[in-house]
Amino acid sequence: MIRTRFAAALAAVSLLGASALQTALALVLLLPGTSWADSAAQPLPFSQNWANTGLITVDNNWAAVPGIEGFRGDNVTAATGADPQTLLASDTPGVISVIANQTTPNTFTTGAVAEFQLADPVIALNGSGAADAPYIRLYVNTAGCTGINVAYNLRDLDGSVDNAVQPVALHFRVGNSGNFTNVPAGFVADATTGPSLATLVTPVSATLPAAADNQAVVQIRVMTANAAGNDEPVGIDDIAVTGTCSGTPGLSINDVSVTEGNAGTINAQFSVTLSAPAGAGGVTFDIATADNTATLADNDYVANTLTGQIIAQGSSGPFLFNVTVNGDPTVEPNETFFVNVTNVVGATVIDGQGQGTITNDDFVITPIHDIQGPGSSSPLVGQVVTTTGIVYAVKNNGFFMQDRPAWMPIR
């Protein structure tokens, strides 16, 4: 769903000298935070065998699948027959993809990630001219763990006459940004056979480099690429991420972003979590806010300090910590503040500082007379502006507006 906020009757401007297609539409589009995936980093051991066909029931919605998302990989490469070992760009933000409830892999030709409800259910990657490098991405928390091993089975699902070479690569990165690193031990040069065969199962088991040990977030990517020829869907099944984990859990706090209003308050809710259940006596800690570009002096947020907090024995959290953010009508850049977790007893601190981002929602209004300008064409041609006014005519060359009366409020 898309919500639109109009300045007065309509935030649209017809600039002299511009065609109707060049009309500047000053629409502020607000996209609500609809969740289509659960990208929370999962503690080890982590596994998924797709036996529960109720996890994916709607196209492009991974919300019920903890720690896994699928992507089309549209912007990773434009080449045909690319080696996925070399496709290490982040693909941010990427196009979420899954086509739910499929049953006929022999005739499936859409470039995407697909869910096949077969006798042995599975999800699969299928390349195309649009889906140049489809992949799944796993999110795991390796806190307190070393020797991280990634294992899965690649399944040839296509028993048609197609017989493309379908390479599959394994990548990883630490954190939520930056390029990935290829894991050569996880590469399979061709995960399919044929024609008219769909029996090959290729087990993959690879230990990640030491950089993946003891981290709050490790992202793991399994990727194929658009083949030279008719692509065959490749199943990714029996996923297992394991490691050698100590008895002391790791403690982390997340980052939070909120959009301030022009008045009133909104809560930024932080979560303190453990990578494994707390041991005897629980895990205790203090937690407090701290200035960054957002400050107490500017009344950007309200200080909050708690001492002697506890995550009880047997629980891994979350412990929720709210910070009140104050709204204002001032036009300003986005601002940040910190939430620090200190004096931790009973856990290893993996990430003890959360960052709160206050996204400014205010905008600058450009008067109509500044848009019109003194000449035969607007001095702002080619720019996107926001204005207020009344649309008094709609013609084939654009919209025409006049100034808003003083008594009419901005809405």
Protein backbone atom coordinates (compact mmCIF):
# COMPACT_ATOMS: atom_id res chain seq x y z
CA MET A 1 0.00 0.00 0.00
CA ILE A 2 1.24 3.51 -0.81
CA ARG A 3 0.12 6.52 1.17
CA THR A 4 0.34 9.97 -0.49
CA ARG A 5 0.37 13.33 1.22
CA PHE A 6 -0.85 16.24 -0.91
CA ALA A 7 0.11 19.83 -0.22
CA ALA A 8 -3.32 21.54 -0.20
CA ALA A 9 -5.47 20.31 -3.12
CA LEU A 10 -2.63 18.78 -5.16
CA ALA A 11 1.17 19.03 -4.92
CA ALA A 12 1.72 19.22 -8.65
CA VAL A 13 3.23 22.00 -10.75
CA SER A 14 3.15 22.86 -14.43
CA LEU A 15 6.44 24.53 -15.35
CA LEU A 16 6.37 26.82 -18.38
CA GLY A 17 8.43 25.41 -21.19
CA ALA A 18 7.94 21.82 -20.04
CA SER A 19 5.72 19.22 -21.66
CA ALA A 20 3.03 17.36 -19.77
CA LEU A 21 5.43 14.45 -19.33
CA GLN A 22 7.96 16.79 -17.70
CA THR A 23 5.44 18.21 -15.26
CA ALA A 24 6.96 18.23 -11.80
CA LEU A 25 4.77 16.23 -9.46
CA ALA A 26 5.55 17.23 -5.90
CA LEU A 27 4.17 14.14 -4.26
CA VAL A 28 5.60 12.97 -0.99
CA LEU A 29 5.38 9.18 -1.07
CA LEU A 30 5.43 7.45 2.27
CA LEU A 31 6.01 3.72 2.14
CA PRO A 32 4.83 1.95 5.28
CA GLY A 33 7.21 -0.64 6.66
CA THR A 34 5.45 -3.75 5.44
CA SER A 35 7.43 -6.83 6.39
CA TRP A 36 8.01 -9.33 3.58
CA ALA A 37 10.84 -11.22 5.23
CA ASP A 38 12.37 -12.15 8.55
CA SER A 39 15.99 -11.09 8.18
CA ALA A 40 16.81 -11.35 11.90
CA ALA A 41 20.12 -13.15 12.42
CA GLN A 42 19.41 -16.65 13.77
CA PRO A 43 21.52 -18.38 16.45
CA LEU A 44 23.41 -21.59 15.69
CA PRO A 45 22.69 -24.34 14.98
CA PHE A 46 20.42 -23.12 12.18
CA SER A 47 18.56 -25.36 9.73
CA GLN A 48 15.77 -25.42 7.17
CA ASN A 49 14.50 -28.41 5.14
CA TRP A 50 11.29 -26.83 3.72
CA ALA A 51 9.11 -29.69 5.01
CA ASN A 52 6.60 -27.13 6.32
CA THR A 53 4.86 -25.96 3.13
CA GLY A 54 2.96 -23.38 5.16
CA LEU A 55 6.04 -21.19 5.48
CA ILE A 56 5.64 -19.75 1.97
CA THR A 57 2.08 -19.27 0.74
CA VAL A 58 2.16 -15.87 -1.00
CA ASP A 59 4.45 -14.72 -3.80
CA ASN A 60 7.45 -12.65 -2.71
CA ASN A 61 6.71 -13.06 0.98
CA TRP A 62 9.35 -14.73 3.22
CA ALA A 63 7.97 -13.31 6.48
CA ALA A 64 7.31 -16.77 7.99
CA VAL A 65 10.79 -18.12 7.13
CA PRO A 66 13.20 -17.14 9.92
CA GLY A 67 16.59 -15.95 8.69
CA ILE A 68 16.18 -16.59 4.94
CA GLU A 69 15.25 -14.37 1.99
CA GLY A 70 15.25 -14.98 -1.76
CA PHE A 71 16.25 -12.43 -4.43
CA ARG A 72 16.11 -12.23 -8.22
CA GLY A 73 19.60 -10.72 -8.46
CA ASP A 74 18.57 -8.39 -11.28
CA ASN A 75 21.40 -5.92 -10.83
CA VAL A 76 24.25 -8.28 -10.02
CA THR A 77 25.23 -8.89 -13.67
CA ALA A 78 23.85 -8.46 -17.17
CA ALA A 79 25.95 -11.26 -18.66
CA THR A 80 24.71 -14.64 -19.84
CA GLY A 81 26.57 -17.69 -18.58
CA ALA A 82 28.39 -15.73 -15.85
CA ASP A 83 30.44 -17.51 -13.19
CA PRO A 84 28.58 -16.82 -9.92
CA GLN A 85 31.87 -17.10 -8.02
CA THR A 86 32.75 -13.68 -9.46
CA LEU A 87 29.39 -12.00 -8.73
CA LEU A 88 30.19 -10.55 -5.32
CA ALA A 89 28.39 -7.17 -5.39
CA SER A 90 25.96 -6.56 -2.55
CA ASP A 91 22.80 -6.22 -4.73
CA THR A 92 21.41 -3.61 -2.31
CA PRO A 93 18.50 -3.39 -1.72
CA GLY A 94 17.73 -6.22 -4.15
CA VAL A 95 14.37 -7.50 -5.42
CA ILE A 96 12.70 -9.93 -3.01
CA SER A 97 11.54 -13.01 -4.92
CA VAL A 98 9.65 -16.21 -4.35
CA ILE A 99 6.94 -17.76 -6.50
CA ALA A 100 4.83 -19.84 -4.15
CA ASN A 101 3.04 -23.16 -4.51
CA GLN A 102 4.65 -24.49 -7.69
CA THR A 103 4.32 -28.15 -8.62
CA THR A 104 5.82 -28.63 -12.11
CA PRO A 105 9.57 -27.88 -12.27
CA ASN A 106 9.80 -29.43 -15.77
CA THR A 107 7.78 -26.57 -17.24
CA PHE A 108 8.79 -23.77 -14.87
CA THR A 109 10.53 -21.02 -16.90
CA THR A 110 10.20 -17.88 -14.78
CA GLY A 111 13.46 -16.33 -13.62
CA ALA A 112 13.09 -16.20 -9.87
CA VAL A 113 13.30 -18.11 -6.62
CA ALA A 114 10.44 -20.61 -6.47
CA GLU A 115 8.84 -22.86 -3.87
CA PHE A 116 8.03 -26.33 -5.18
CA GLN A 117 5.47 -28.32 -3.23
CA LEU A 118 6.65 -31.74 -4.35
CA ALA A 119 6.65 -35.01 -2.44
CA ASP A 120 9.90 -33.66 -0.97
CA PRO A 121 9.25 -29.88 -0.83
CA VAL A 122 12.08 -27.51 -1.70
CA ILE A 123 12.87 -23.98 -2.84
CA ALA A 124 14.83 -23.50 -6.07
CA LEU A 125 16.77 -20.94 -8.10
CA ASN A 126 16.00 -20.37 -11.78
CA GLY A 127 17.90 -17.84 -13.87
CA SER A 128 16.62 -15.82 -16.83
CA GLY A 129 17.31 -12.68 -18.81
CA ALA A 130 15.69 -10.67 -16.00
CA ALA A 131 16.82 -12.77 -13.03
CA ASP A 132 20.50 -12.66 -13.94
CA ALA A 133 21.78 -14.08 -10.65
CA PRO A 134 19.01 -15.45 -8.40
CA TYR A 135 20.04 -16.37 -4.87
CA ILE A 136 18.93 -17.01 -1.34
CA ARG A 137 20.48 -15.16 1.59
CA LEU A 138 20.79 -16.58 5.08
CA TYR A 139 21.22 -14.48 8.23
CA VAL A 140 22.96 -16.11 11.19
CA ASN A 141 24.39 -15.00 14.51
CA THR A 142 27.67 -16.80 15.19
CA ALA A 143 28.34 -15.20 18.59
CA GLY A 144 30.26 -17.60 20.80
CA CYS A 145 30.86 -19.96 17.88
CA THR A 146 33.86 -20.82 15.70
CA GLY A 147 34.44 -23.06 12.69
CA ILE A 148 31.20 -22.03 10.98
CA ASN A 149 30.12 -24.76 8.56
CA VAL A 150 27.51 -24.28 5.83
CA ALA A 151 25.91 -27.41 4.37
CA TYR A 152 23.03 -28.01 1.95
CA ASN A 153 21.98 -30.31 -0.88
CA LEU A 154 21.62 -29.05 -4.45
CA ARG A 155 18.84 -30.90 -6.26
CA ASP A 156 18.31 -31.18 -10.01
CA LEU A 157 14.55 -30.70 -10.36
CA ASP A 158 14.18 -30.42 -14.14
CA GLY A 159 13.44 -33.71 -15.92
CA SER A 160 12.66 -32.06 -19.25
CA VAL A 161 14.90 -32.03 -22.33
CA ASP A 162 16.66 -28.89 -21.05
CA ASN A 163 20.30 -29.46 -20.19
CA ALA A 164 21.92 -26.16 -19.26
CA VAL A 165 25.12 -25.82 -17.25
CA GLN A 166 23.93 -24.49 -13.86
CA PRO A 167 26.83 -23.43 -11.63
CA VAL A 168 26.11 -22.61 -7.99
CA ALA A 169 28.39 -20.55 -5.73
CA LEU A 170 28.60 -19.90 -2.00
CA HIS A 171 29.35 -16.40 -0.65
CA PHE A 172 29.48 -14.80 2.78
CA ARG A 173 30.00 -11.42 4.41
CA VAL A 174 30.10 -10.12 7.97
CA GLY A 175 27.45 -7.51 8.76
CA ASN A 176 24.75 -6.01 6.60
CA SER A 177 26.73 -4.12 3.96
CA GLY A 178 29.67 -4.40 1.58
CA ASN A 179 30.63 -6.93 -1.05
CA PHE A 180 30.54 -10.65 -0.41
CA THR A 181 33.48 -13.06 -0.36
CA ASN A 182 33.44 -16.20 -2.47
CA VAL A 183 33.92 -19.55 -0.69
CA PRO A 184 35.67 -21.80 -3.25
CA ALA A 185 34.92 -24.99 -1.30
CA GLY A 186 31.21 -24.36 -1.82
CA PHE A 187 31.33 -24.05 -5.63
CA VAL A 188 29.53 -26.58 -7.83
CA ALA A 189 30.32 -26.23 -11.54
CA ASP A 190 27.06 -27.84 -12.71
CA ALA A 191 24.27 -28.86 -10.33
CA THR A 192 22.09 -30.42 -13.05
CA THR A 193 22.20 -33.33 -15.46
CA GLY A 194 20.14 -34.25 -18.47
CA PRO A 195 18.46 -34.14 -20.78
CA SER A 196 15.36 -35.83 -19.31
CA LEU A 197 17.01 -36.49 -15.95
CA ALA A 198 16.19 -35.06 -12.54
CA THR A 199 17.91 -37.34 -10.07
CA LEU A 200 21.20 -35.61 -9.27
CA VAL A 201 21.70 -34.50 -5.66
CA THR A 202 24.97 -32.68 -4.95
CA PRO A 203 25.89 -32.25 -1.27
CA VAL A 204 27.78 -29.08 -0.35
CA SER A 205 29.69 -28.62 2.90
CA ALA A 206 32.12 -25.74 3.40
CA THR A 207 33.69 -24.11 6.44
CA LEU A 208 33.70 -20.32 6.31
CA PRO A 209 36.89 -18.33 6.94
CA ALA A 210 37.67 -17.31 10.53
CA ALA A 211 36.27 -13.83 9.83
CA ALA A 212 32.79 -15.39 10.20
CA ASP A 213 33.47 -16.59 13.76
CA ASN A 214 31.87 -14.91 16.76
CA GLN A 215 29.85 -12.30 14.82
CA ALA A 216 26.46 -10.75 15.52
CA VAL A 217 25.48 -10.95 11.83
CA VAL A 218 26.88 -13.20 9.11
CA GLN A 219 25.11 -13.24 5.75
CA ILE A 220 25.45 -16.35 3.59
CA ARG A 221 24.46 -16.35 -0.07
CA VAL A 222 23.83 -19.31 -2.39
CA MET A 223 23.68 -18.10 -6.00
CA THR A 224 23.33 -19.37 -9.55
CA ALA A 225 23.35 -17.35 -12.79
CA ASN A 226 21.41 -17.03 -16.02
CA ALA A 227 22.68 -19.93 -18.12
CA ALA A 228 23.57 -20.06 -21.79
CA GLY A 229 20.53 -22.05 -22.88
CA ASN A 230 17.27 -22.91 -21.15
CA ASP A 231 17.81 -22.55 -17.40
CA GLU A 232 16.94 -25.44 -15.10
CA PRO A 233 15.62 -24.84 -11.56
CA VAL A 234 18.13 -25.94 -8.92
CA GLY A 235 16.76 -26.89 -5.51
CA ILE A 236 18.52 -25.85 -2.28
CA ASP A 237 17.52 -28.27 0.44
CA ASP A 238 18.50 -29.52 3.90
CA ILE A 239 20.26 -26.29 4.86
CA ALA A 240 22.35 -26.47 8.03
CA VAL A 241 24.70 -23.86 9.51
CA THR A 242 26.66 -25.12 12.51
CA GLY A 243 29.76 -24.34 14.53
CA THR A 244 31.62 -25.12 17.71
CA CYS A 245 29.85 -22.94 20.26
CA SER A 246 30.86 -22.14 23.82
CA GLY A 247 28.48 -22.12 26.75
CA THR A 248 28.60 -18.32 27.15
CA PRO A 249 26.01 -16.57 24.97
CA GLY A 250 26.82 -13.48 22.95
CA LEU A 251 24.92 -10.25 23.62
CA SER A 252 23.87 -7.82 20.87
CA ILE A 253 21.67 -4.78 20.48
CA ASN A 254 20.09 -3.76 17.19
CA ASP A 255 19.93 -0.45 15.30
CA VAL A 256 16.59 1.33 14.98
CA SER A 257 15.27 3.96 12.57
CA VAL A 258 12.12 6.04 13.17
CA THR A 259 10.51 8.91 11.27
CA GLU A 260 9.79 11.93 13.40
CA GLY A 261 6.54 13.84 13.08
CA ASN A 262 5.99 17.58 13.09
CA ALA A 263 4.81 17.32 16.71
CA GLY A 264 4.29 14.76 19.44
CA THR A 265 6.52 11.77 20.10
CA ILE A 266 7.34 8.34 18.73
CA ASN A 267 9.16 5.43 20.38
CA ALA A 268 12.35 3.94 18.99
CA GLN A 269 12.32 0.39 20.37
CA PHE A 270 15.68 -1.37 20.74
CA SER A 271 16.12 -5.09 21.41
CA VAL A 272 18.89 -6.66 23.46
CA THR A 273 19.24 -10.34 22.53
CA LEU A 274 21.45 -13.30 23.35
CA SER A 275 22.82 -15.82 20.87
CA ALA A 276 21.83 -18.66 23.24
CA PRO A 277 19.74 -18.93 26.40
CA ALA A 278 21.21 -17.30 29.50
CA GLY A 279 22.88 -19.60 31.99
CA ALA A 280 22.46 -19.84 35.74
CA GLY A 281 21.84 -16.43 37.29
CA GLY A 282 20.84 -14.92 33.97
CA VAL A 283 22.63 -12.08 32.15
CA THR A 284 22.71 -8.65 33.79
CA PHE A 285 23.61 -5.30 32.25
CA ASP A 286 23.09 -1.53 32.29
CA ILE A 287 21.68 0.35 29.30
CA ALA A 288 21.62 4.08 28.52
CA THR A 289 21.25 6.61 25.71
CA ALA A 290 24.05 8.90 24.50
CA ASP A 291 24.23 11.89 22.14
CA ASN A 292 25.56 11.78 18.61
CA THR A 293 24.25 14.25 16.01
CA ALA A 294 20.90 14.02 17.80
CA THR A 295 21.29 15.71 21.18
CA LEU A 296 19.42 16.20 24.43
CA ALA A 297 20.17 19.92 24.28
CA ASP A 298 18.20 20.21 21.02
CA ASN A 299 15.34 18.16 22.48
CA ASP A 300 15.73 15.55 19.72
CA TYR A 301 15.10 12.63 22.09
CA VAL A 302 14.54 11.87 25.76
CA ALA A 303 17.34 10.36 27.82
CA ASN A 304 16.72 6.91 29.22
CA THR A 305 18.99 5.04 31.64
CA LEU A 306 18.37 1.67 33.31
CA THR A 307 20.71 -0.23 35.62
CA GLY A 308 20.76 -3.81 36.80
CA GLN A 309 18.57 -5.17 34.02
CA ILE A 310 18.36 -8.93 33.54
CA ILE A 311 17.62 -11.51 30.87
CA ALA A 312 16.54 -14.47 32.96
CA GLN A 313 18.10 -17.91 33.01
CA GLY A 314 16.88 -19.99 30.07
CA SER A 315 15.83 -16.96 28.02
CA SER A 316 17.65 -15.39 25.07
CA GLY A 317 15.50 -12.24 25.18
CA PRO A 318 14.64 -9.93 23.71
CA PHE A 319 14.92 -7.22 26.34
CA LEU A 320 13.08 -4.19 24.93
CA PHE A 321 14.30 -0.64 25.55
CA ASN A 322 12.24 2.35 24.39
CA VAL A 323 13.65 5.78 23.58
CA THR A 324 11.20 8.64 23.07
CA VAL A 325 11.90 10.72 19.94
CA ASN A 326 10.42 14.24 19.80
CA GLY A 327 8.82 15.55 16.64
CA ASP A 328 9.31 19.06 15.28
CA PRO A 329 8.58 21.00 12.07
CA THR A 330 12.20 22.05 11.55
CA VAL A 331 13.77 21.11 8.23
CA GLU A 332 17.01 19.33 9.11
CA PRO A 333 19.13 16.35 8.07
CA ASN A 334 18.66 12.89 9.54
CA GLU A 335 20.18 12.61 13.02
CA THR A 336 21.49 9.74 15.12
CA PHE A 337 21.95 8.87 18.78
CA PHE A 338 23.38 5.84 20.59
CA VAL A 339 22.12 3.24 23.06
CA ASN A 340 24.99 1.61 24.97
CA VAL A 341 24.86 -1.68 26.85
CA THR A 342 27.51 -1.80 29.59
CA ASN A 343 28.55 -3.73 32.72
CA VAL A 344 27.47 -7.03 31.13
CA VAL A 345 27.73 -10.10 33.36
CA GLY A 346 27.02 -13.62 32.10
CA ALA A 347 27.49 -12.98 28.35
CA THR A 348 30.13 -11.97 25.82
CA VAL A 349 29.44 -8.57 24.26
CA ILE A 350 29.32 -8.93 20.48
CA ASP A 351 27.64 -5.61 19.68
CA GLY A 352 27.06 -3.39 22.68
CA GLN A 353 26.06 -0.19 20.88
CA GLY A 354 22.83 0.37 19.00
CA GLN A 355 22.32 3.39 16.79
CA GLY A 356 19.05 5.24 16.58
CA THR A 357 18.38 7.14 13.36
CA ILE A 358 15.82 9.93 13.40
CA THR A 359 14.60 10.36 9.82
CA ASN A 360 13.43 13.89 9.20
CA ASP A 361 10.02 14.03 7.49
CA ASP A 362 9.85 17.77 6.88
CA PHE A 363 10.07 19.34 3.46
CA VAL A 364 10.69 22.76 1.98
CA ILE A 365 7.78 24.48 0.25
CA THR A 366 8.70 26.48 -2.86
CA PRO A 367 6.28 29.35 -3.55
CA ILE A 368 4.49 29.26 -6.90
CA HIS A 369 5.92 32.64 -7.90
CA ASP A 370 9.48 31.26 -7.44
CA ILE A 371 8.59 28.32 -9.65
CA GLN A 372 7.05 30.60 -12.28
CA GLY A 373 10.03 32.95 -12.37
CA PRO A 374 10.31 36.21 -14.30
CA GLY A 375 10.96 34.77 -17.76
CA SER A 376 9.14 32.72 -20.36
CA SER A 377 10.22 29.45 -18.71
CA SER A 378 10.70 28.43 -15.11
CA PRO A 379 14.19 28.74 -13.58
CA LEU A 380 13.50 25.37 -11.92
CA VAL A 381 12.89 23.29 -15.05
CA GLY A 382 14.19 19.76 -14.46
CA GLN A 383 13.99 20.00 -10.65
CA VAL A 384 11.53 18.32 -8.29
CA VAL A 385 9.88 20.82 -5.97
CA THR A 386 7.08 20.86 -3.39
CA THR A 387 4.53 23.64 -3.36
CA THR A 388 1.03 24.39 -2.09
CA GLY A 389 -1.88 25.83 -3.98
CA ILE A 390 -5.12 25.19 -5.78
CA VAL A 391 -5.31 23.44 -9.13
CA TYR A 392 -7.63 25.63 -11.21
CA ALA A 393 -7.17 24.03 -14.63
CA VAL A 394 -6.00 20.77 -16.18
CA LYS A 395 -5.07 20.97 -19.85
CA ASN A 396 -3.26 18.79 -22.30
CA ASN A 397 0.02 20.55 -21.53
CA GLY A 398 -0.09 20.20 -17.77
CA PHE A 399 -1.62 21.37 -14.50
CA PHE A 400 -2.19 25.04 -13.60
CA MET A 401 -2.17 26.29 -10.03
CA GLN A 402 -2.69 29.48 -8.07
CA ASP A 403 -1.58 30.47 -4.59
CA ARG A 404 -3.37 28.97 -1.65
CA PRO A 405 -5.56 31.46 0.24
CA ALA A 406 -4.23 32.34 3.68
CA TRP A 407 -7.21 30.72 5.38
CA MET A 408 -6.62 27.31 3.73
CA PRO A 409 -4.42 25.00 5.85
CA ILE A 410 -1.69 22.79 4.39
CA ARG A 411 -2.77 19.16 4.53
